[in-house]
Amino acid sequence: MQFMASITLDTARRRSEVEQALPAEQVRVRELMQQGVLGALYVPDGSGAPAGLWAIFNGDSRDAVQRVVESLPLYPYMQLELTPLRDLQASR
């Protein structure tokens, strides 16, 4: 099952903490992509560090995906909304 994660980072009040966690976040994101758990990651077009991003996670349940997101170093600085996705092409 796939879930879209809409993520907003608390960069206004905690920018330095977020910036310090970025290298570890990048390593963890690469691991999750290699494992097939993180299918895609999208950031808004533009320069600078984004305050928000979107990701597509693969997991057996919302709880499983939630645990994966909690493993991200930036999780303490996130506001997260998980939305289950349905593949319209698969249902034809």
N, C-alpha and C. Protein backbone atom coordinates (compact mmCIF):
# COMPACT_ATOMS: atom_id res chain seq x y z
N MET A 1 0.84 -1.16 0.00
CA MET A 1 0.00 0.00 0.00
C MET A 1 0.90 1.24 0.00
N GLN A 2 0.45 2.26 -0.71
CA GLN A 2 1.22 3.50 -0.76
C GLN A 2 0.55 4.60 0.05
N PHE A 3 1.39 5.47 0.59
CA PHE A 3 0.93 6.62 1.36
C PHE A 3 1.69 7.85 0.89
N MET A 4 0.98 8.96 0.74
CA MET A 4 1.64 10.23 0.47
C MET A 4 1.83 10.94 1.79
N ALA A 5 3.05 11.35 2.04
CA ALA A 5 3.36 12.12 3.23
C ALA A 5 3.53 13.57 2.82
N SER A 6 2.73 14.42 3.41
CA SER A 6 2.89 15.86 3.25
C SER A 6 3.60 16.35 4.50
N ILE A 7 4.79 16.88 4.33
CA ILE A 7 5.66 17.20 5.46
C ILE A 7 5.99 18.69 5.45
N THR A 8 5.79 19.32 6.59
CA THR A 8 6.20 20.70 6.79
C THR A 8 7.26 20.71 7.89
N LEU A 9 8.38 21.37 7.62
CA LEU A 9 9.46 21.44 8.60
C LEU A 9 9.39 22.76 9.36
N ASP A 10 9.70 22.70 10.64
CA ASP A 10 9.70 23.87 11.51
C ASP A 10 11.03 24.61 11.33
N THR A 11 11.18 25.27 10.18
CA THR A 11 12.44 25.97 9.91
C THR A 11 12.44 27.39 10.45
N ALA A 12 11.30 27.92 10.78
CA ALA A 12 11.25 29.30 11.27
C ALA A 12 11.91 29.42 12.64
N ARG A 13 11.57 28.51 13.54
CA ARG A 13 12.10 28.60 14.91
C ARG A 13 13.32 27.73 15.13
N ARG A 14 13.49 26.69 14.30
CA ARG A 14 14.54 25.71 14.59
C ARG A 14 15.44 25.45 13.39
N ARG A 15 15.71 26.48 12.64
CA ARG A 15 16.49 26.33 11.40
C ARG A 15 17.85 25.68 11.65
N SER A 16 18.59 26.11 12.65
CA SER A 16 19.94 25.57 12.86
C SER A 16 19.87 24.08 13.22
N GLU A 17 18.89 23.68 14.00
CA GLU A 17 18.75 22.26 14.35
C GLU A 17 18.40 21.43 13.12
N VAL A 18 17.52 21.97 12.28
CA VAL A 18 17.15 21.27 11.05
C VAL A 18 18.37 21.14 10.15
N GLU A 19 19.11 22.21 9.98
CA GLU A 19 20.30 22.17 9.12
C GLU A 19 21.34 21.18 9.63
N GLN A 20 21.50 21.07 10.96
CA GLN A 20 22.46 20.12 11.53
C GLN A 20 22.04 18.67 11.28
N ALA A 21 20.73 18.42 11.22
CA ALA A 21 20.23 17.06 11.03
C ALA A 21 20.19 16.65 9.56
N LEU A 22 20.38 17.58 8.63
CA LEU A 22 20.25 17.28 7.21
C LEU A 22 21.18 16.18 6.70
N PRO A 23 22.47 16.17 7.04
CA PRO A 23 23.33 15.09 6.54
C PRO A 23 22.83 13.70 6.96
N ALA A 24 22.44 13.54 8.20
CA ALA A 24 21.93 12.25 8.66
C ALA A 24 20.61 11.93 7.97
N GLU A 25 19.80 12.93 7.71
CA GLU A 25 18.52 12.74 7.00
C GLU A 25 18.77 12.22 5.59
N GLN A 26 19.75 12.79 4.91
CA GLN A 26 20.07 12.36 3.55
C GLN A 26 20.52 10.90 3.52
N VAL A 27 21.30 10.50 4.49
CA VAL A 27 21.75 9.10 4.57
C VAL A 27 20.54 8.18 4.77
N ARG A 28 19.66 8.53 5.70
CA ARG A 28 18.49 7.69 5.98
C ARG A 28 17.54 7.63 4.78
N VAL A 29 17.37 8.74 4.09
CA VAL A 29 16.51 8.77 2.90
C VAL A 29 17.07 7.83 1.83
N ARG A 30 18.37 7.86 1.62
CA ARG A 30 18.98 6.96 0.64
C ARG A 30 18.76 5.50 1.03
N GLU A 31 18.90 5.17 2.31
CA GLU A 31 18.66 3.80 2.78
C GLU A 31 17.23 3.37 2.48
N LEU A 32 16.28 4.23 2.80
CA LEU A 32 14.86 3.89 2.59
C LEU A 32 14.54 3.75 1.11
N MET A 33 15.17 4.55 0.27
CA MET A 33 14.95 4.42 -1.18
C MET A 33 15.53 3.10 -1.69
N GLN A 34 16.72 2.74 -1.21
CA GLN A 34 17.33 1.48 -1.63
C GLN A 34 16.50 0.29 -1.19
N GLN A 35 15.85 0.41 -0.04
CA GLN A 35 15.00 -0.67 0.47
C GLN A 35 13.63 -0.71 -0.21
N GLY A 36 13.30 0.32 -0.98
CA GLY A 36 12.00 0.38 -1.65
C GLY A 36 10.88 0.88 -0.76
N VAL A 37 11.21 1.32 0.44
CA VAL A 37 10.20 1.84 1.37
C VAL A 37 9.81 3.26 0.99
N LEU A 38 10.77 4.05 0.56
CA LEU A 38 10.51 5.41 0.09
C LEU A 38 10.56 5.37 -1.43
N GLY A 39 9.41 5.55 -2.04
CA GLY A 39 9.32 5.44 -3.49
C GLY A 39 9.69 6.71 -4.22
N ALA A 40 9.39 7.86 -3.63
CA ALA A 40 9.67 9.13 -4.30
C ALA A 40 9.70 10.24 -3.26
N LEU A 41 10.45 11.28 -3.59
CA LEU A 41 10.56 12.44 -2.72
C LEU A 41 10.50 13.68 -3.60
N TYR A 42 9.63 14.61 -3.24
CA TYR A 42 9.43 15.83 -4.04
C TYR A 42 9.59 17.06 -3.17
N VAL A 43 10.29 18.05 -3.72
CA VAL A 43 10.42 19.35 -3.04
C VAL A 43 9.98 20.43 -4.02
N PRO A 44 9.50 21.55 -3.51
CA PRO A 44 9.09 22.63 -4.41
C PRO A 44 10.29 23.15 -5.20
N ASP A 45 10.04 23.54 -6.42
CA ASP A 45 11.08 24.12 -7.26
C ASP A 45 11.48 25.48 -6.70
N GLY A 46 12.76 25.76 -6.71
CA GLY A 46 13.24 27.03 -6.21
C GLY A 46 14.56 26.85 -5.50
N SER A 47 15.09 27.93 -5.01
CA SER A 47 16.38 27.87 -4.34
C SER A 47 16.19 27.86 -2.83
N GLY A 48 17.20 27.41 -2.15
CA GLY A 48 17.16 27.37 -0.69
C GLY A 48 16.54 26.09 -0.17
N ALA A 49 16.59 25.95 1.12
CA ALA A 49 16.03 24.77 1.77
C ALA A 49 14.51 24.89 1.82
N PRO A 50 13.81 23.85 1.39
CA PRO A 50 12.35 23.92 1.40
C PRO A 50 11.78 23.79 2.81
N ALA A 51 10.67 24.45 3.05
CA ALA A 51 9.98 24.31 4.34
C ALA A 51 9.01 23.14 4.29
N GLY A 52 8.70 22.68 3.09
CA GLY A 52 7.77 21.57 2.95
C GLY A 52 8.22 20.64 1.86
N LEU A 53 7.75 19.41 1.92
CA LEU A 53 8.06 18.42 0.90
C LEU A 53 6.99 17.34 0.90
N TRP A 54 7.04 16.51 -0.13
CA TRP A 54 6.09 15.41 -0.27
C TRP A 54 6.87 14.14 -0.56
N ALA A 55 6.39 13.04 -0.01
CA ALA A 55 7.05 11.76 -0.21
C ALA A 55 6.01 10.67 -0.41
N ILE A 56 6.38 9.66 -1.18
CA ILE A 56 5.53 8.48 -1.36
C ILE A 56 6.22 7.32 -0.67
N PHE A 57 5.53 6.77 0.32
CA PHE A 57 6.05 5.63 1.09
C PHE A 57 5.26 4.37 0.74
N ASN A 58 5.96 3.24 0.76
CA ASN A 58 5.34 1.93 0.58
C ASN A 58 5.36 1.21 1.92
N GLY A 59 4.21 0.69 2.34
CA GLY A 59 4.16 -0.02 3.61
C GLY A 59 2.90 -0.85 3.73
N ASP A 60 2.92 -1.78 4.65
CA ASP A 60 1.77 -2.68 4.86
C ASP A 60 0.60 -1.97 5.52
N SER A 61 0.89 -0.89 6.26
CA SER A 61 -0.17 -0.20 7.00
C SER A 61 0.27 1.23 7.30
N ARG A 62 -0.68 2.04 7.73
CA ARG A 62 -0.37 3.41 8.15
C ARG A 62 0.62 3.39 9.31
N ASP A 63 0.41 2.46 10.26
CA ASP A 63 1.31 2.37 11.41
C ASP A 63 2.74 2.04 10.99
N ALA A 64 2.88 1.14 10.01
CA ALA A 64 4.22 0.77 9.53
C ALA A 64 4.91 1.98 8.90
N VAL A 65 4.18 2.74 8.10
CA VAL A 65 4.76 3.93 7.47
C VAL A 65 5.06 4.98 8.53
N GLN A 66 4.19 5.13 9.51
CA GLN A 66 4.42 6.09 10.59
C GLN A 66 5.73 5.77 11.31
N ARG A 67 5.98 4.49 11.57
CA ARG A 67 7.22 4.09 12.25
C ARG A 67 8.45 4.43 11.39
N VAL A 68 8.32 4.24 10.08
CA VAL A 68 9.42 4.59 9.17
C VAL A 68 9.70 6.08 9.23
N VAL A 69 8.65 6.88 9.15
CA VAL A 69 8.82 8.34 9.20
C VAL A 69 9.45 8.75 10.53
N GLU A 70 9.06 8.11 11.60
CA GLU A 70 9.63 8.42 12.92
C GLU A 70 11.11 8.09 13.00
N SER A 71 11.60 7.24 12.09
CA SER A 71 13.03 6.89 12.08
C SER A 71 13.89 7.96 11.40
N LEU A 72 13.25 8.93 10.78
CA LEU A 72 13.99 10.00 10.10
C LEU A 72 14.56 10.99 11.11
N PRO A 73 15.81 11.39 10.95
CA PRO A 73 16.40 12.36 11.89
C PRO A 73 15.64 13.68 11.99
N LEU A 74 14.95 14.08 10.93
CA LEU A 74 14.20 15.34 10.97
C LEU A 74 12.79 15.18 11.56
N TYR A 75 12.41 13.97 11.92
CA TYR A 75 11.05 13.75 12.43
C TYR A 75 10.67 14.71 13.57
N PRO A 76 11.55 14.98 14.54
CA PRO A 76 11.15 15.89 15.63
C PRO A 76 10.77 17.30 15.16
N TYR A 77 11.15 17.65 13.95
CA TYR A 77 10.89 18.99 13.43
C TYR A 77 9.78 19.01 12.38
N MET A 78 9.07 17.89 12.24
CA MET A 78 8.07 17.74 11.19
C MET A 78 6.65 17.88 11.70
N GLN A 79 5.82 18.43 10.82
CA GLN A 79 4.38 18.27 10.92
C GLN A 79 4.04 17.35 9.76
N LEU A 80 3.36 16.26 10.05
CA LEU A 80 3.16 15.19 9.08
C LEU A 80 1.69 14.92 8.85
N GLU A 81 1.34 14.74 7.58
CA GLU A 81 0.01 14.27 7.22
C GLU A 81 0.18 13.09 6.26
N LEU A 82 -0.30 11.93 6.66
CA LEU A 82 -0.23 10.73 5.83
C LEU A 82 -1.58 10.49 5.16
N THR A 83 -1.55 10.27 3.85
CA THR A 83 -2.77 10.02 3.09
C THR A 83 -2.59 8.71 2.34
N PRO A 84 -3.49 7.72 2.57
CA PRO A 84 -3.41 6.49 1.80
C PRO A 84 -3.76 6.77 0.34
N LEU A 85 -3.07 6.10 -0.56
CA LEU A 85 -3.29 6.27 -1.99
C LEU A 85 -3.86 5.01 -2.62
N ARG A 86 -4.69 5.23 -3.61
CA ARG A 86 -5.27 4.11 -4.36
C ARG A 86 -4.80 4.25 -5.80
N ASP A 87 -4.28 3.19 -6.38
CA ASP A 87 -3.82 3.18 -7.75
C ASP A 87 -5.01 2.96 -8.67
N LEU A 88 -5.43 3.99 -9.38
CA LEU A 88 -6.59 3.88 -10.25
C LEU A 88 -6.34 2.96 -11.44
N GLN A 89 -5.11 2.89 -11.90
CA GLN A 89 -4.81 2.01 -13.02
C GLN A 89 -4.90 0.54 -12.61
N ALA A 90 -4.54 0.23 -11.39
CA ALA A 90 -4.59 -1.15 -10.90
C ALA A 90 -6.03 -1.62 -10.70
N SER A 91 -6.96 -0.70 -10.51
CA SER A 91 -8.35 -1.09 -10.23
C SER A 91 -9.17 -1.26 -11.51
N ARG A 92 -8.54 -1.10 -12.66
CA ARG A 92 -9.27 -1.28 -13.94
C ARG A 92 -9.42 -2.72 -14.29
